[in-house]
Amino acid sequence: MINRTTTATLAAAVAAAALMSSGANAQTANTDKEKCYGISMAGKNDCAATGNNSCAGQSKVDYDTKAWKSVAKGSCVTMEVTLKDGKKRKGTLTAM
């Protein structure tokens, strides 16, 4: 009986440690990313500013200024897109 209790407790502790570790890795991964507005193609956004659309993959137009895509930290403002009228625009860290 003690063996089963010890085994169950050990299994629970290992599972909890694994979950805590994966959470820490997810947080680390998020610190390496930033939201970049105005660079995603229609339906390819990760989310959007309030009131624009409900979230991922729902932008209706290319390079929607209120839709964002998660990109490597520091790269957003260097990304450049070509609009339908031929003008070029860089990504921004805030909704336009």
Foldseek 3Di string as FASTA:
>chain_A
DVVVVVVVVVVVVVVVVVVVVVVVVVVVVLVQKAWWAQAAAQQQFQAFDPPQDGGHRHHHGHRQLGTTHIDGPPCQQVDWDQDPVRDIDGIDRHRD
